[in-house]
Structure formats: C-alpha cells, structure tokens
Amino acid sequence: MDTTGLTEVQISSSQALPPPYGQHQTTLTSAASLAQFARLVSDNHIGVGSTSGSSGACTGGIQYTIVVMARSGTTNLSAYDCANQISGNMSGNVSGFISGLEAAGWP
C-alpha cells in the first residue's frame, strides 16, 4: 500500500466480547505519527486485498477499522481478530501490523 502523501489516519477498534468491552478511536495527523504508521505498513507489507478469512463460529474478538487519507485518495482497511484468526481486506503480516498499532498505543 502506498503511504506517500499521508495527511491523516483514523484508527478505531471495537470489542464486544469478552471483557473488557469498549470502543477506542484515535486520529493521527502529526508528521511523526504518520511516519510511524507508514513504517508499520511498510515493515509488515500491508496491502489492500479482497475480503478474506472467516470468523466462523467465533464470538467476540476485536474489529479494527482504519481510514488512510492521502493526497491521492482514501483507503479503508479492516480486520477482525477473533480466536487468533484474522479476517478482513488486508494482505501481508496483518497480525504484526495490529501488534504494532497496539504497541504504539493506537487502538
């Protein structure tokens, strides 16, 4: 995924089950946070693919929604992490990418 010309990144997560419940949101706009996000994308080879995987009979988990805004347009990324299975429209090392988001303190 091309991260050239990033202007803003909106990251949200929602966890219904199991506790702790909650929704979290953050918006990245500073040059430093956008550069850190771009490195996470590059390091984990994140791309946009077709919706993949299935949550099957999994109940709970965390839904991640990421809106990437750049001068060239907007890209919507999603991932659903439940019972160590990840589905969504991202390709690459999605689990590493999500871990990087969490390590940075982003939802």
C-alpha atoms as a PDB file:
ATOM      1  CA  MET A   1       0.000   0.000   0.000  1.00  0.00           C
ATOM      2  CA  ASP A   2       1.381   3.380  -0.981  1.00  0.00           C
ATOM      3  CA  THR A   3       1.662   5.719   2.018  1.00  0.00           C
ATOM      4  CA  THR A   4       3.141   8.642   0.083  1.00  0.00           C
ATOM      5  CA  GLY A   5       1.420  11.916   0.900  1.00  0.00           C
ATOM      6  CA  LEU A   6      -0.346  10.788   4.073  1.00  0.00           C
ATOM      7  CA  THR A   7      -2.434  13.562   5.568  1.00  0.00           C
ATOM      8  CA  GLU A   8      -4.440  11.722   8.222  1.00  0.00           C
ATOM      9  CA  VAL A   9      -5.096   8.226   9.559  1.00  0.00           C
ATOM     10  CA  GLN A  10      -8.174   7.353  11.620  1.00  0.00           C
ATOM     11  CA  ILE A  11      -7.949   4.164  13.653  1.00  0.00           C
ATOM     12  CA  SER A  12     -10.797   2.642  15.628  1.00  0.00           C
ATOM     13  CA  SER A  13     -11.344  -0.636  17.411  1.00  0.00           C
ATOM     14  CA  SER A  14     -14.398  -2.183  18.943  1.00  0.00           C
ATOM     15  CA  GLN A  15     -14.545  -5.131  21.307  1.00  0.00           C
ATOM     16  CA  ALA A  16     -17.913  -6.623  22.221  1.00  0.00           C
ATOM     17  CA  LEU A  17     -16.855  -9.833  23.981  1.00  0.00           C
ATOM     18  CA  PRO A  18     -15.086 -10.898  26.149  1.00  0.00           C
ATOM     19  CA  PRO A  19     -14.444  -8.111  28.659  1.00  0.00           C
ATOM     20  CA  PRO A  20     -13.034  -5.535  28.639  1.00  0.00           C
ATOM     21  CA  TYR A  21     -15.689  -4.117  26.386  1.00  0.00           C
ATOM     22  CA  GLY A  22     -15.222  -0.858  24.609  1.00  0.00           C
ATOM     23  CA  GLN A  23     -14.541   1.261  21.616  1.00  0.00           C
ATOM     24  CA  HIS A  24     -11.405   3.249  21.021  1.00  0.00           C
ATOM     25  CA  GLN A  25     -10.562   5.834  18.405  1.00  0.00           C
ATOM     26  CA  THR A  26      -7.535   7.878  17.522  1.00  0.00           C
ATOM     27  CA  THR A  27      -6.606  10.186  14.674  1.00  0.00           C
ATOM     28  CA  LEU A  28      -3.012  10.548  13.508  1.00  0.00           C
ATOM     29  CA  THR A  29      -2.084  13.902  11.991  1.00  0.00           C
ATOM     30  CA  SER A  30       1.422  14.775  13.199  1.00  0.00           C
ATOM     31  CA  ALA A  31       4.353  14.174  10.878  1.00  0.00           C
ATOM     32  CA  ALA A  32       5.943  11.819  13.434  1.00  0.00           C
ATOM     33  CA  SER A  33       2.837   9.655  13.936  1.00  0.00           C
ATOM     34  CA  LEU A  34       2.141   9.482  10.187  1.00  0.00           C
ATOM     35  CA  ALA A  35       5.763   8.442   9.561  1.00  0.00           C
ATOM     36  CA  GLN A  36       5.494   5.766  12.262  1.00  0.00           C
ATOM     37  CA  PHE A  37       2.260   4.479  10.702  1.00  0.00           C
ATOM     38  CA  ALA A  38       3.882   4.406   7.242  1.00  0.00           C
ATOM     39  CA  ARG A  39       6.785   2.356   8.672  1.00  0.00           C
ATOM     40  CA  LEU A  40       4.327  -0.145  10.183  1.00  0.00           C
ATOM     41  CA  VAL A  41       2.625  -0.511   6.811  1.00  0.00           C
ATOM     42  CA  SER A  42       5.948  -0.964   5.017  1.00  0.00           C
ATOM     43  CA  ASP A  43       7.543  -3.274   7.601  1.00  0.00           C
ATOM     44  CA  ASN A  44       4.507  -5.578   7.566  1.00  0.00           C
ATOM     45  CA  HIS A  45       3.932  -5.394   3.785  1.00  0.00           C
ATOM     46  CA  ILE A  46       0.330  -4.280   4.299  1.00  0.00           C
ATOM     47  CA  GLY A  47      -1.741  -4.121   1.153  1.00  0.00           C
ATOM     48  CA  VAL A  48      -5.391  -3.992   0.264  1.00  0.00           C
ATOM     49  CA  GLY A  49      -6.837  -7.269  -0.912  1.00  0.00           C
ATOM     50  CA  SER A  50     -10.233  -8.824  -1.231  1.00  0.00           C
ATOM     51  CA  THR A  51     -12.088  -9.647   1.947  1.00  0.00           C
ATOM     52  CA  SER A  52     -10.505 -12.791   3.296  1.00  0.00           C
ATOM     53  CA  GLY A  53     -10.896 -15.252   6.085  1.00  0.00           C
ATOM     54  CA  SER A  54     -13.932 -16.051   8.107  1.00  0.00           C
ATOM     55  CA  SER A  55     -14.753 -15.564  11.726  1.00  0.00           C
ATOM     56  CA  GLY A  56     -16.708 -18.832  11.572  1.00  0.00           C
ATOM     57  CA  ALA A  57     -18.427 -19.538  14.848  1.00  0.00           C
ATOM     58  CA  CYS A  58     -16.211 -17.133  16.762  1.00  0.00           C
ATOM     59  CA  THR A  59     -17.952 -14.892  19.265  1.00  0.00           C
ATOM     60  CA  GLY A  60     -16.275 -11.741  20.450  1.00  0.00           C
ATOM     61  CA  GLY A  61     -12.964 -10.519  19.177  1.00  0.00           C
ATOM     62  CA  ILE A  62     -11.885  -7.061  18.100  1.00  0.00           C
ATOM     63  CA  GLN A  63     -12.901  -5.210  14.950  1.00  0.00           C
ATOM     64  CA  TYR A  64     -10.284  -2.755  13.618  1.00  0.00           C
ATOM     65  CA  THR A  65     -11.204  -0.066  11.117  1.00  0.00           C
ATOM     66  CA  ILE A  66      -8.502   2.127   9.589  1.00  0.00           C
ATOM     67  CA  VAL A  67      -9.139   5.021   7.224  1.00  0.00           C
ATOM     68  CA  VAL A  68      -5.968   6.172   5.478  1.00  0.00           C
ATOM     69  CA  MET A  69      -6.163   9.602   3.864  1.00  0.00           C
ATOM     70  CA  ALA A  70      -3.514  10.775   1.437  1.00  0.00           C
ATOM     71  CA  ARG A  71      -3.327  13.372  -1.289  1.00  0.00           C
ATOM     72  CA  SER A  72      -4.050  10.612  -3.819  1.00  0.00           C
ATOM     73  CA  GLY A  73      -7.248   9.429  -2.107  1.00  0.00           C
ATOM     74  CA  THR A  74      -8.714   7.475   0.779  1.00  0.00           C
ATOM     75  CA  THR A  75      -8.147   3.791   1.582  1.00  0.00           C
ATOM     76  CA  ASN A  76     -10.311   1.816   4.002  1.00  0.00           C
ATOM     77  CA  LEU A  77      -8.751  -1.124   5.827  1.00  0.00           C
ATOM     78  CA  SER A  78     -10.497  -3.560   8.133  1.00  0.00           C
ATOM     79  CA  ALA A  79      -9.530  -6.542  10.229  1.00  0.00           C
ATOM     80  CA  TYR A  80     -11.484  -8.741  12.600  1.00  0.00           C
ATOM     81  CA  ASP A  81      -9.313 -10.578  15.128  1.00  0.00           C
ATOM     82  CA  CYS A  82     -11.091 -13.403  16.937  1.00  0.00           C
ATOM     83  CA  ALA A  83      -9.624 -16.550  18.486  1.00  0.00           C
ATOM     84  CA  ASN A  84      -6.263 -15.876  16.819  1.00  0.00           C
ATOM     85  CA  GLN A  85      -7.927 -15.828  13.383  1.00  0.00           C
ATOM     86  CA  ILE A  86      -7.858 -12.598  11.379  1.00  0.00           C
ATOM     87  CA  SER A  87     -10.223 -11.787   8.560  1.00  0.00           C
ATOM     88  CA  GLY A  88     -10.628  -8.576   6.612  1.00  0.00           C
ATOM     89  CA  ASN A  89      -9.407  -6.811   3.495  1.00  0.00           C
ATOM     90  CA  MET A  90      -5.704  -6.550   4.342  1.00  0.00           C
ATOM     91  CA  SER A  91      -2.849  -8.616   2.961  1.00  0.00           C
ATOM     92  CA  GLY A  92       0.636  -9.015   4.428  1.00  0.00           C
ATOM     93  CA  ASN A  93       1.583  -9.584   8.046  1.00  0.00           C
ATOM     94  CA  VAL A  94      -1.736  -8.366   9.475  1.00  0.00           C
ATOM     95  CA  SER A  95      -1.143  -9.765  12.970  1.00  0.00           C
ATOM     96  CA  GLY A  96       2.244  -7.995  13.125  1.00  0.00           C
ATOM     97  CA  PHE A  97       0.633  -4.779  11.895  1.00  0.00           C
ATOM     98  CA  ILE A  98      -2.102  -4.954  14.557  1.00  0.00           C
ATOM     99  CA  SER A  99       0.510  -5.691  17.235  1.00  0.00           C
ATOM    100  CA  GLY A 100       2.439  -2.631  16.040  1.00  0.00           C
ATOM    101  CA  LEU A 101      -0.670  -0.459  16.275  1.00  0.00           C
ATOM    102  CA  GLU A 102      -1.277  -1.662  19.823  1.00  0.00           C
ATOM    103  CA  ALA A 103       2.385  -1.196  20.805  1.00  0.00           C
ATOM    104  CA  ALA A 104       2.194   2.402  19.569  1.00  0.00           C
ATOM    105  CA  GLY A 105      -0.818   2.962  21.851  1.00  0.00           C
ATOM    106  CA  TRP A 106      -3.263   3.216  18.982  1.00  0.00           C
ATOM    107  CA  PRO A 107      -6.494   1.199  19.312  1.00  0.00           C
END
